[in-house]
N, C-alpha and C. Protein backbone atom coordinates (compact mmCIF):
# COMPACT_ATOMS: atom_id res chain seq x y z
N MET A 1 7.04 -31.95 43.18
CA MET A 1 7.38 -30.56 43.35
C MET A 1 8.33 -30.24 42.13
N ARG A 2 9.30 -30.99 41.87
CA ARG A 2 10.20 -30.81 40.81
C ARG A 2 9.45 -30.76 39.47
N ARG A 3 8.46 -31.66 39.31
CA ARG A 3 7.64 -31.72 38.06
C ARG A 3 6.80 -30.45 37.93
N THR A 4 6.24 -30.00 39.03
CA THR A 4 5.45 -28.78 39.04
C THR A 4 6.21 -27.57 38.64
N LEU A 5 7.50 -27.49 39.17
CA LEU A 5 8.38 -26.35 38.84
C LEU A 5 8.77 -26.39 37.34
N LEU A 6 9.00 -27.62 36.84
CA LEU A 6 9.39 -27.73 35.45
C LEU A 6 8.16 -27.39 34.58
N ALA A 7 6.97 -27.74 34.98
CA ALA A 7 5.79 -27.47 34.30
C ALA A 7 5.48 -25.97 34.22
N VAL A 8 5.67 -25.36 35.43
CA VAL A 8 5.47 -23.88 35.47
C VAL A 8 6.51 -23.15 34.54
N ALA A 9 7.80 -23.56 34.69
CA ALA A 9 8.86 -22.98 33.86
C ALA A 9 8.52 -23.14 32.35
N MET A 10 8.05 -24.33 31.93
CA MET A 10 7.71 -24.48 30.48
C MET A 10 6.60 -23.62 30.15
N SER A 11 5.58 -23.53 30.93
CA SER A 11 4.42 -22.66 30.70
C SER A 11 4.84 -21.20 30.50
N VAL A 12 5.72 -20.80 31.37
CA VAL A 12 6.19 -19.35 31.27
C VAL A 12 6.90 -19.16 29.97
N LEU A 13 7.80 -20.10 29.65
CA LEU A 13 8.50 -19.93 28.38
C LEU A 13 7.57 -20.02 27.20
N MET A 14 6.57 -20.83 27.22
CA MET A 14 5.67 -20.95 26.10
C MET A 14 4.84 -19.59 25.94
N LEU A 15 4.44 -19.10 27.11
CA LEU A 15 3.61 -17.81 27.16
C LEU A 15 4.58 -16.68 26.63
N ALA A 16 5.73 -16.62 27.10
CA ALA A 16 6.71 -15.61 26.59
C ALA A 16 6.85 -15.71 25.12
N GLY A 17 6.96 -16.87 24.53
CA GLY A 17 7.11 -17.12 23.12
C GLY A 17 5.82 -16.57 22.47
N CYS A 18 4.70 -16.88 22.93
CA CYS A 18 3.39 -16.47 22.39
C CYS A 18 3.33 -14.87 22.49
N ALA A 19 3.67 -14.36 23.60
CA ALA A 19 3.64 -12.89 23.74
C ALA A 19 4.66 -12.20 22.82
N GLU A 20 5.71 -12.82 22.58
CA GLU A 20 6.67 -12.23 21.68
C GLU A 20 6.10 -12.22 20.27
N ALA A 21 5.53 -13.37 19.88
CA ALA A 21 4.90 -13.43 18.48
C ALA A 21 3.93 -12.41 18.36
N LYS A 22 3.04 -12.03 19.46
CA LYS A 22 2.03 -11.07 19.37
C LYS A 22 2.62 -9.65 19.21
N VAL A 23 3.73 -9.54 19.87
CA VAL A 23 4.44 -8.20 19.90
C VAL A 23 4.73 -7.76 18.42
N GLU A 24 5.28 -8.70 17.62
CA GLU A 24 5.69 -8.33 16.22
C GLU A 24 5.19 -9.45 15.33
N PRO A 25 3.94 -9.37 14.98
CA PRO A 25 3.40 -10.38 13.96
C PRO A 25 3.91 -10.23 12.67
N LEU A 26 4.50 -9.03 12.27
CA LEU A 26 5.03 -8.83 10.95
C LEU A 26 6.39 -9.43 10.70
N ALA A 27 6.95 -9.98 11.79
CA ALA A 27 8.32 -10.57 11.63
C ALA A 27 8.31 -11.71 10.55
N ARG A 28 7.24 -12.48 10.56
CA ARG A 28 7.27 -13.67 9.68
C ARG A 28 7.09 -13.24 8.14
N PHE A 29 6.78 -11.98 7.98
CA PHE A 29 6.66 -11.46 6.65
C PHE A 29 7.95 -10.66 6.19
N GLY A 30 8.92 -10.63 7.12
CA GLY A 30 10.16 -9.86 6.86
C GLY A 30 9.89 -8.39 6.99
N LEU A 31 8.92 -7.93 7.72
CA LEU A 31 8.47 -6.51 7.80
C LEU A 31 8.73 -5.97 9.16
N ALA A 32 9.26 -6.67 10.18
CA ALA A 32 9.51 -6.30 11.52
C ALA A 32 10.33 -5.06 11.47
N GLY A 33 10.03 -4.00 12.21
CA GLY A 33 10.89 -2.83 12.42
C GLY A 33 10.87 -1.94 11.15
N LYS A 34 10.15 -2.25 10.15
CA LYS A 34 10.08 -1.35 8.91
C LYS A 34 9.06 -0.25 9.14
N SER A 35 9.40 0.87 8.45
CA SER A 35 8.46 2.06 8.52
C SER A 35 7.36 1.82 7.61
N ALA A 36 6.34 2.63 7.64
CA ALA A 36 5.17 2.55 6.79
C ALA A 36 5.60 2.69 5.39
N VAL A 37 6.49 3.65 5.12
CA VAL A 37 6.98 3.83 3.76
C VAL A 37 7.61 2.63 3.19
N GLU A 38 8.48 2.01 3.99
CA GLU A 38 9.26 0.77 3.57
C GLU A 38 8.26 -0.41 3.31
N VAL A 39 7.29 -0.60 4.13
CA VAL A 39 6.33 -1.66 4.04
C VAL A 39 5.52 -1.43 2.79
N ILE A 40 4.96 -0.22 2.53
CA ILE A 40 4.23 0.12 1.34
C ILE A 40 4.99 -0.12 0.13
N ASP A 41 6.18 0.39 0.07
CA ASP A 41 7.03 0.21 -1.15
C ASP A 41 7.33 -1.29 -1.38
N ARG A 42 7.51 -2.01 -0.39
CA ARG A 42 7.91 -3.41 -0.52
C ARG A 42 6.63 -4.28 -1.07
N LEU A 43 5.57 -4.11 -0.35
CA LEU A 43 4.37 -4.85 -0.67
C LEU A 43 3.75 -4.55 -1.97
N ASP A 44 3.78 -3.30 -2.34
CA ASP A 44 3.17 -2.90 -3.62
C ASP A 44 3.93 -3.49 -4.81
N ARG A 45 5.24 -3.72 -4.61
CA ARG A 45 6.06 -4.24 -5.73
C ARG A 45 6.23 -5.71 -5.76
N LEU A 46 5.59 -6.46 -4.86
CA LEU A 46 5.69 -7.95 -4.84
C LEU A 46 4.93 -8.51 -6.03
N ALA A 47 5.52 -9.69 -6.59
CA ALA A 47 4.80 -10.45 -7.55
C ALA A 47 3.51 -10.97 -6.91
N LEU A 48 2.46 -11.25 -7.67
CA LEU A 48 1.17 -11.60 -7.18
C LEU A 48 1.26 -12.86 -6.31
N ALA A 49 2.11 -13.85 -6.73
CA ALA A 49 2.25 -15.09 -6.15
C ALA A 49 2.97 -14.94 -4.80
N GLU A 50 3.67 -13.82 -4.57
CA GLU A 50 4.45 -13.61 -3.37
C GLU A 50 3.65 -12.88 -2.37
N ARG A 51 2.42 -12.33 -2.67
CA ARG A 51 1.71 -11.58 -1.74
C ARG A 51 1.04 -12.46 -0.60
N PRO A 52 1.38 -12.17 0.59
CA PRO A 52 0.87 -13.09 1.64
C PRO A 52 -0.71 -13.03 1.81
N ALA A 53 -1.39 -14.12 1.64
CA ALA A 53 -2.81 -14.12 1.81
C ALA A 53 -3.31 -13.84 3.23
N ASP A 54 -2.43 -14.07 4.21
CA ASP A 54 -2.86 -13.89 5.58
C ASP A 54 -2.34 -12.64 6.14
N LEU A 55 -2.01 -11.59 5.34
CA LEU A 55 -1.53 -10.31 5.66
C LEU A 55 -2.45 -9.39 4.88
N LYS A 56 -3.07 -8.36 5.64
CA LYS A 56 -3.93 -7.33 4.98
C LYS A 56 -3.15 -6.00 5.36
N ALA A 57 -3.02 -5.16 4.32
CA ALA A 57 -2.34 -3.95 4.49
C ALA A 57 -3.19 -2.90 3.68
N SER A 58 -3.73 -1.90 4.43
CA SER A 58 -4.59 -0.85 3.81
C SER A 58 -3.87 0.49 4.05
N VAL A 59 -3.67 1.20 2.85
CA VAL A 59 -3.09 2.50 2.92
C VAL A 59 -4.13 3.60 3.26
N ARG A 60 -3.92 4.29 4.29
CA ARG A 60 -4.85 5.49 4.57
C ARG A 60 -4.03 6.72 4.43
N PRO A 61 -4.66 7.89 4.33
CA PRO A 61 -3.91 9.09 4.24
C PRO A 61 -2.72 9.38 5.14
N ASP A 62 -2.93 8.90 6.47
CA ASP A 62 -1.91 9.14 7.45
C ASP A 62 -1.26 8.02 8.07
N ALA A 63 -1.74 6.81 7.65
CA ALA A 63 -1.18 5.58 8.23
C ALA A 63 -1.43 4.36 7.46
N LEU A 64 -0.51 3.32 7.74
CA LEU A 64 -0.73 2.05 7.01
C LEU A 64 -1.32 1.08 8.05
N LEU A 65 -2.52 0.58 7.81
CA LEU A 65 -3.14 -0.33 8.70
C LEU A 65 -2.79 -1.72 8.27
N VAL A 66 -2.13 -2.56 9.12
CA VAL A 66 -1.67 -3.86 8.79
C VAL A 66 -2.29 -4.89 9.74
N THR A 67 -2.93 -5.93 9.20
CA THR A 67 -3.52 -6.93 9.99
C THR A 67 -2.84 -8.27 9.68
N ALA A 68 -2.31 -8.88 10.74
CA ALA A 68 -1.65 -10.22 10.69
C ALA A 68 -1.91 -10.88 11.99
N ASP A 69 -2.16 -12.19 11.94
CA ASP A 69 -2.27 -13.06 13.06
C ASP A 69 -3.37 -12.52 13.99
N GLY A 70 -4.38 -11.98 13.38
CA GLY A 70 -5.54 -11.47 14.14
C GLY A 70 -5.32 -10.16 14.84
N GLU A 71 -4.18 -9.55 14.58
CA GLU A 71 -3.90 -8.29 15.27
C GLU A 71 -3.64 -7.15 14.24
N GLU A 72 -4.24 -5.98 14.55
CA GLU A 72 -4.10 -4.93 13.60
C GLU A 72 -3.03 -3.89 14.16
N ARG A 73 -2.13 -3.43 13.33
CA ARG A 73 -1.20 -2.43 13.67
C ARG A 73 -1.32 -1.20 12.79
N SER A 74 -0.99 -0.04 13.30
CA SER A 74 -1.06 1.20 12.59
C SER A 74 0.40 1.73 12.51
N LEU A 75 0.89 1.80 11.35
CA LEU A 75 2.17 2.43 11.10
C LEU A 75 2.06 3.87 10.49
N ALA A 76 2.52 4.86 11.19
CA ALA A 76 2.37 6.19 10.71
C ALA A 76 3.09 6.46 9.49
N ILE A 77 2.41 7.19 8.60
CA ILE A 77 3.05 7.76 7.33
C ILE A 77 3.50 9.10 7.72
N PRO A 78 4.74 9.43 7.27
CA PRO A 78 5.32 10.77 7.68
C PRO A 78 4.32 11.90 7.28
N ASP A 79 4.26 12.96 8.14
CA ASP A 79 3.39 14.07 8.04
C ASP A 79 3.40 14.76 6.67
N ASP A 80 4.48 14.73 6.00
CA ASP A 80 4.69 15.49 4.72
C ASP A 80 4.40 14.54 3.40
N LYS A 81 3.98 13.24 3.70
CA LYS A 81 3.96 12.36 2.54
C LYS A 81 2.50 11.77 2.45
N PHE A 82 2.11 11.46 1.18
CA PHE A 82 0.85 10.87 0.94
C PHE A 82 1.08 9.89 -0.18
N TYR A 83 0.59 8.66 0.03
CA TYR A 83 0.71 7.58 -1.04
C TYR A 83 -0.42 7.52 -1.90
N LEU A 84 -0.39 7.78 -3.19
CA LEU A 84 -1.48 7.67 -4.14
C LEU A 84 -1.14 6.54 -5.07
N SER A 85 -2.05 5.62 -5.10
CA SER A 85 -1.86 4.37 -5.99
C SER A 85 -2.82 4.50 -7.19
N LEU A 86 -2.40 4.43 -8.34
CA LEU A 86 -3.26 4.48 -9.58
C LEU A 86 -3.33 3.22 -10.22
N ALA A 87 -4.54 2.89 -10.74
CA ALA A 87 -4.77 1.71 -11.60
C ALA A 87 -5.57 2.12 -12.79
N PRO A 88 -4.85 2.58 -13.80
CA PRO A 88 -5.54 2.99 -15.07
C PRO A 88 -6.12 1.70 -15.69
N TYR A 89 -7.11 1.76 -16.51
CA TYR A 89 -7.76 0.68 -17.12
C TYR A 89 -8.37 1.00 -18.51
N VAL A 90 -8.59 0.04 -19.21
CA VAL A 90 -9.32 0.09 -20.55
C VAL A 90 -10.64 -0.37 -20.44
N GLU A 91 -10.90 -1.68 -19.87
CA GLU A 91 -12.17 -2.20 -19.83
C GLU A 91 -12.70 -2.49 -18.34
N HIS A 92 -11.87 -2.90 -17.45
CA HIS A 92 -12.25 -3.43 -16.06
C HIS A 92 -11.59 -2.70 -14.93
N THR A 93 -12.39 -2.32 -13.97
CA THR A 93 -11.85 -1.74 -12.88
C THR A 93 -12.69 -2.18 -11.60
N HIS A 94 -12.32 -1.65 -10.46
CA HIS A 94 -13.06 -1.93 -9.26
C HIS A 94 -13.10 -0.64 -8.39
N GLU A 95 -14.09 -0.53 -7.62
CA GLU A 95 -14.23 0.57 -6.72
C GLU A 95 -13.18 0.39 -5.53
N CYS A 96 -12.56 1.52 -5.32
CA CYS A 96 -11.44 1.46 -4.24
C CYS A 96 -11.33 2.76 -3.63
N PHE A 97 -11.20 2.87 -2.35
CA PHE A 97 -10.89 4.15 -1.64
C PHE A 97 -9.58 4.10 -0.91
N HIS A 98 -9.38 3.06 -0.14
CA HIS A 98 -8.04 2.87 0.54
C HIS A 98 -7.38 1.79 -0.11
N HIS A 99 -6.20 2.02 -0.75
CA HIS A 99 -5.51 0.98 -1.56
C HIS A 99 -5.03 -0.19 -0.56
N SER A 100 -5.42 -1.38 -1.00
CA SER A 100 -5.01 -2.58 -0.22
C SER A 100 -3.75 -3.16 -0.99
N LEU A 101 -2.71 -3.18 -0.24
CA LEU A 101 -1.38 -3.72 -0.87
C LEU A 101 -1.43 -5.17 -1.14
N THR A 102 -2.26 -5.98 -0.57
CA THR A 102 -2.21 -7.40 -0.72
C THR A 102 -3.35 -7.86 -1.59
N THR A 103 -4.46 -7.15 -1.80
CA THR A 103 -5.64 -7.74 -2.49
C THR A 103 -6.03 -6.86 -3.72
N CYS A 104 -5.70 -5.56 -3.78
CA CYS A 104 -6.10 -4.76 -4.98
C CYS A 104 -5.48 -5.30 -6.21
N LYS A 105 -6.15 -5.41 -7.24
CA LYS A 105 -5.61 -5.83 -8.50
C LYS A 105 -6.28 -4.93 -9.66
N GLY A 106 -5.33 -4.32 -10.43
CA GLY A 106 -5.78 -3.63 -11.62
C GLY A 106 -5.73 -4.40 -12.92
N GLU A 107 -6.30 -3.93 -13.96
CA GLU A 107 -6.33 -4.52 -15.25
C GLU A 107 -4.91 -4.56 -15.91
N LEU A 108 -4.08 -3.56 -15.84
CA LEU A 108 -2.93 -3.46 -16.58
C LEU A 108 -1.67 -3.80 -15.77
N ALA A 109 -1.37 -5.09 -15.68
CA ALA A 109 -0.10 -5.47 -14.94
C ALA A 109 1.14 -5.24 -15.86
N ALA A 110 2.15 -4.75 -15.26
CA ALA A 110 3.43 -4.60 -15.98
C ALA A 110 3.32 -3.78 -17.29
N ALA A 111 2.45 -2.81 -17.20
CA ALA A 111 2.14 -1.92 -18.36
C ALA A 111 3.07 -0.68 -18.38
N ALA A 112 3.60 -0.28 -19.57
CA ALA A 112 4.37 0.90 -19.67
C ALA A 112 3.50 2.12 -19.88
N LEU A 113 3.65 3.09 -18.93
CA LEU A 113 2.68 4.26 -18.94
C LEU A 113 3.60 5.50 -19.02
N GLU A 114 2.93 6.54 -19.39
CA GLU A 114 3.46 7.92 -19.19
C GLU A 114 2.65 8.62 -18.25
N VAL A 115 3.25 9.10 -17.24
CA VAL A 115 2.43 9.82 -16.18
C VAL A 115 2.89 11.19 -15.94
N ARG A 116 1.88 12.05 -15.77
CA ARG A 116 2.17 13.50 -15.43
C ARG A 116 1.19 13.84 -14.31
N ILE A 117 1.84 14.28 -13.19
CA ILE A 117 1.10 14.69 -12.03
C ILE A 117 1.46 16.19 -11.76
N VAL A 118 0.41 17.03 -11.76
CA VAL A 118 0.66 18.50 -11.56
C VAL A 118 -0.16 18.99 -10.36
N ASP A 119 0.41 19.77 -9.52
CA ASP A 119 -0.34 20.32 -8.37
C ASP A 119 -1.19 21.55 -8.85
N GLN A 120 -2.06 22.04 -7.91
CA GLN A 120 -2.99 23.10 -8.22
C GLN A 120 -2.28 24.44 -8.60
N ALA A 121 -1.00 24.57 -8.22
CA ALA A 121 -0.29 25.81 -8.65
C ALA A 121 0.39 25.59 -10.04
N GLY A 122 0.30 24.45 -10.57
CA GLY A 122 0.94 24.14 -11.87
C GLY A 122 2.30 23.56 -11.85
N ALA A 123 2.82 23.22 -10.56
CA ALA A 123 4.10 22.59 -10.39
C ALA A 123 4.01 21.15 -10.85
N VAL A 124 4.95 20.70 -11.73
CA VAL A 124 5.00 19.34 -12.13
C VAL A 124 5.65 18.41 -11.01
N LEU A 125 4.98 17.54 -10.47
CA LEU A 125 5.42 16.71 -9.36
C LEU A 125 6.01 15.40 -10.01
N VAL A 126 5.37 14.90 -10.97
CA VAL A 126 5.83 13.58 -11.63
C VAL A 126 5.62 13.75 -13.15
N GLU A 127 6.68 13.36 -13.90
CA GLU A 127 6.49 13.40 -15.34
C GLU A 127 7.48 12.37 -15.89
N GLY A 128 6.93 11.49 -16.67
CA GLY A 128 7.75 10.46 -17.33
C GLY A 128 7.27 9.10 -17.34
N ALA A 129 8.08 8.11 -17.79
CA ALA A 129 7.63 6.73 -18.01
C ALA A 129 7.63 6.04 -16.67
N ARG A 130 6.63 5.22 -16.41
CA ARG A 130 6.43 4.42 -15.28
C ARG A 130 5.91 3.03 -15.75
N THR A 131 6.16 1.92 -15.07
CA THR A 131 5.61 0.69 -15.29
C THR A 131 4.78 0.29 -14.16
N THR A 132 3.53 -0.15 -14.42
CA THR A 132 2.67 -0.73 -13.38
C THR A 132 3.33 -1.98 -12.72
N PHE A 133 2.98 -2.13 -11.43
CA PHE A 133 3.52 -3.30 -10.69
C PHE A 133 2.65 -4.57 -11.14
N ALA A 134 3.00 -5.66 -10.63
CA ALA A 134 2.33 -6.93 -11.04
C ALA A 134 0.80 -6.87 -10.62
N ASN A 135 0.45 -6.03 -9.70
CA ASN A 135 -1.01 -5.92 -9.41
C ASN A 135 -1.80 -4.85 -10.24
N GLY A 136 -1.11 -4.28 -11.26
CA GLY A 136 -1.76 -3.40 -12.11
C GLY A 136 -1.76 -1.99 -11.59
N PHE A 137 -1.11 -1.73 -10.52
CA PHE A 137 -1.09 -0.30 -9.94
C PHE A 137 0.33 0.23 -10.07
N VAL A 138 0.34 1.48 -9.94
CA VAL A 138 1.67 2.18 -9.80
C VAL A 138 1.39 3.29 -8.74
N GLY A 139 2.40 3.37 -7.74
CA GLY A 139 2.21 4.29 -6.72
C GLY A 139 3.17 5.47 -6.68
N PHE A 140 2.75 6.50 -6.08
CA PHE A 140 3.57 7.76 -5.95
C PHE A 140 3.38 8.33 -4.60
N TRP A 141 4.60 8.77 -4.11
CA TRP A 141 4.71 9.46 -2.82
C TRP A 141 4.59 10.96 -3.30
N LEU A 142 3.55 11.60 -2.82
CA LEU A 142 3.27 13.01 -3.12
C LEU A 142 3.15 13.85 -1.83
N PRO A 143 3.33 15.19 -1.99
CA PRO A 143 3.18 15.99 -0.78
C PRO A 143 1.76 15.86 -0.14
N ARG A 144 1.58 15.91 1.08
CA ARG A 144 0.32 15.94 1.72
C ARG A 144 -0.29 17.29 1.65
N GLY A 145 -1.64 17.28 1.56
CA GLY A 145 -2.33 18.58 1.65
C GLY A 145 -2.45 19.29 0.34
N ILE A 146 -2.44 18.67 -0.83
CA ILE A 146 -2.49 19.44 -2.08
C ILE A 146 -3.60 18.79 -2.87
N THR A 147 -3.96 19.46 -3.99
CA THR A 147 -4.87 19.07 -4.94
C THR A 147 -4.12 19.19 -6.32
N GLY A 148 -4.63 18.52 -7.30
CA GLY A 148 -4.03 18.60 -8.58
C GLY A 148 -4.66 17.73 -9.64
N THR A 149 -3.91 17.40 -10.72
CA THR A 149 -4.45 16.63 -11.76
C THR A 149 -3.35 15.53 -12.13
N VAL A 150 -3.93 14.36 -12.35
CA VAL A 150 -3.04 13.30 -12.87
C VAL A 150 -3.51 12.87 -14.31
N ARG A 151 -2.54 12.71 -15.15
CA ARG A 151 -2.74 12.26 -16.53
C ARG A 151 -1.96 11.01 -16.79
N VAL A 152 -2.59 10.01 -17.30
CA VAL A 152 -1.85 8.80 -17.70
C VAL A 152 -2.05 8.45 -19.13
N THR A 153 -1.07 8.02 -19.80
CA THR A 153 -1.15 7.69 -21.27
C THR A 153 -0.56 6.31 -21.40
N TYR A 154 -1.35 5.42 -22.11
CA TYR A 154 -0.99 4.03 -22.32
C TYR A 154 -1.48 3.57 -23.76
N ALA A 155 -0.61 3.06 -24.54
CA ALA A 155 -0.95 2.54 -25.81
C ALA A 155 -1.78 3.61 -26.64
N GLY A 156 -1.33 4.83 -26.61
CA GLY A 156 -2.14 5.88 -27.36
C GLY A 156 -3.42 6.44 -26.65
N LYS A 157 -3.78 5.83 -25.60
CA LYS A 157 -4.99 6.24 -24.95
C LYS A 157 -4.64 7.03 -23.68
N THR A 158 -5.54 8.00 -23.30
CA THR A 158 -5.16 8.89 -22.21
C THR A 158 -6.39 8.90 -21.22
N ALA A 159 -6.04 9.06 -19.94
CA ALA A 159 -7.10 9.37 -18.93
C ALA A 159 -6.58 10.46 -17.91
N GLU A 160 -7.45 11.27 -17.49
CA GLU A 160 -7.08 12.33 -16.64
C GLU A 160 -8.13 12.50 -15.44
N SER A 161 -7.62 12.86 -14.29
CA SER A 161 -8.51 12.98 -13.20
C SER A 161 -7.88 14.00 -12.14
N ALA A 162 -8.78 14.54 -11.42
CA ALA A 162 -8.34 15.45 -10.31
C ALA A 162 -8.03 14.48 -9.15
N PHE A 163 -7.20 14.98 -8.29
CA PHE A 163 -6.77 14.24 -7.05
C PHE A 163 -6.63 15.07 -5.88
N SER A 164 -6.66 14.56 -4.70
CA SER A 164 -6.36 15.38 -3.48
C SER A 164 -5.55 14.53 -2.56
N THR A 165 -4.67 15.12 -1.74
CA THR A 165 -3.85 14.38 -0.76
C THR A 165 -4.26 14.93 0.67
N GLY A 166 -5.47 15.25 0.81
CA GLY A 166 -5.98 15.73 2.22
C GLY A 166 -6.27 14.58 3.10
N PRO A 167 -6.67 14.84 4.31
CA PRO A 167 -6.90 13.90 5.40
C PRO A 167 -8.02 12.95 5.10
N ASP A 168 -8.93 13.35 4.15
CA ASP A 168 -10.14 12.43 3.82
C ASP A 168 -10.01 11.92 2.41
N ALA A 169 -8.91 12.03 1.77
CA ALA A 169 -8.71 11.73 0.38
C ALA A 169 -8.49 10.19 0.17
N PRO A 170 -8.95 9.71 -0.99
CA PRO A 170 -8.69 8.32 -1.34
C PRO A 170 -7.19 8.11 -1.56
N THR A 171 -6.70 6.95 -1.25
CA THR A 171 -5.29 6.60 -1.50
C THR A 171 -5.22 5.65 -2.77
N CYS A 172 -6.36 5.32 -3.30
CA CYS A 172 -6.53 4.41 -4.47
C CYS A 172 -7.38 5.05 -5.54
N LEU A 173 -6.88 5.22 -6.79
CA LEU A 173 -7.51 5.86 -7.86
C LEU A 173 -7.73 4.93 -9.00
N THR A 174 -8.95 4.42 -9.05
CA THR A 174 -9.22 3.32 -10.01
C THR A 174 -10.26 3.83 -11.14
N THR A 175 -10.37 5.20 -11.27
CA THR A 175 -11.42 5.75 -12.17
C THR A 175 -10.66 6.22 -13.40
N LEU A 176 -9.42 5.88 -13.63
CA LEU A 176 -8.67 6.41 -14.89
C LEU A 176 -8.96 5.53 -16.11
N GLN A 177 -10.09 5.62 -16.71
CA GLN A 177 -10.46 4.84 -17.93
C GLN A 177 -9.75 5.55 -19.03
N LEU A 178 -8.90 4.70 -19.71
CA LEU A 178 -8.12 5.15 -20.88
C LEU A 178 -8.85 5.03 -22.10
N ALA A 179 -8.98 6.22 -22.83
CA ALA A 179 -9.85 6.26 -24.09
C ALA A 179 -8.99 7.02 -25.12
């Protein structure tokens, strides 16, 4: 009887531990309790060697979808924000619609850029020097529900594209070929 009770108690404790791990699979990545904005800002800025291979994080217009330990989580992005990640390139790019914080890689890692982002009314949202992250991207928190133009200059070459921050808009812009 005593062994049975001990076995039951151990089983309950083990199951509780497993349940707790399932409740917050992001804890082992140091992301437990973080907002979508905090997770996006942290993951996009990691060195390539530090990006967890067993964590997937996809930026959508209204949420960050995070998959870890076989479980998908959705972290809401604030209603007034939209994360647009740019990967300007000279020769090589990839198709992308929803920016992946752990797998997307652009051509120009740690590159010094000049960026100008203007909304449809002509208001300048971003203007100045930026450096791409180790993954070749640079991200911007923009107002949700706008359209505009982004212009990037690098090494005397420029690329320009229209963008949108609507509910069906891409969060990953990889069509900025510098010429």
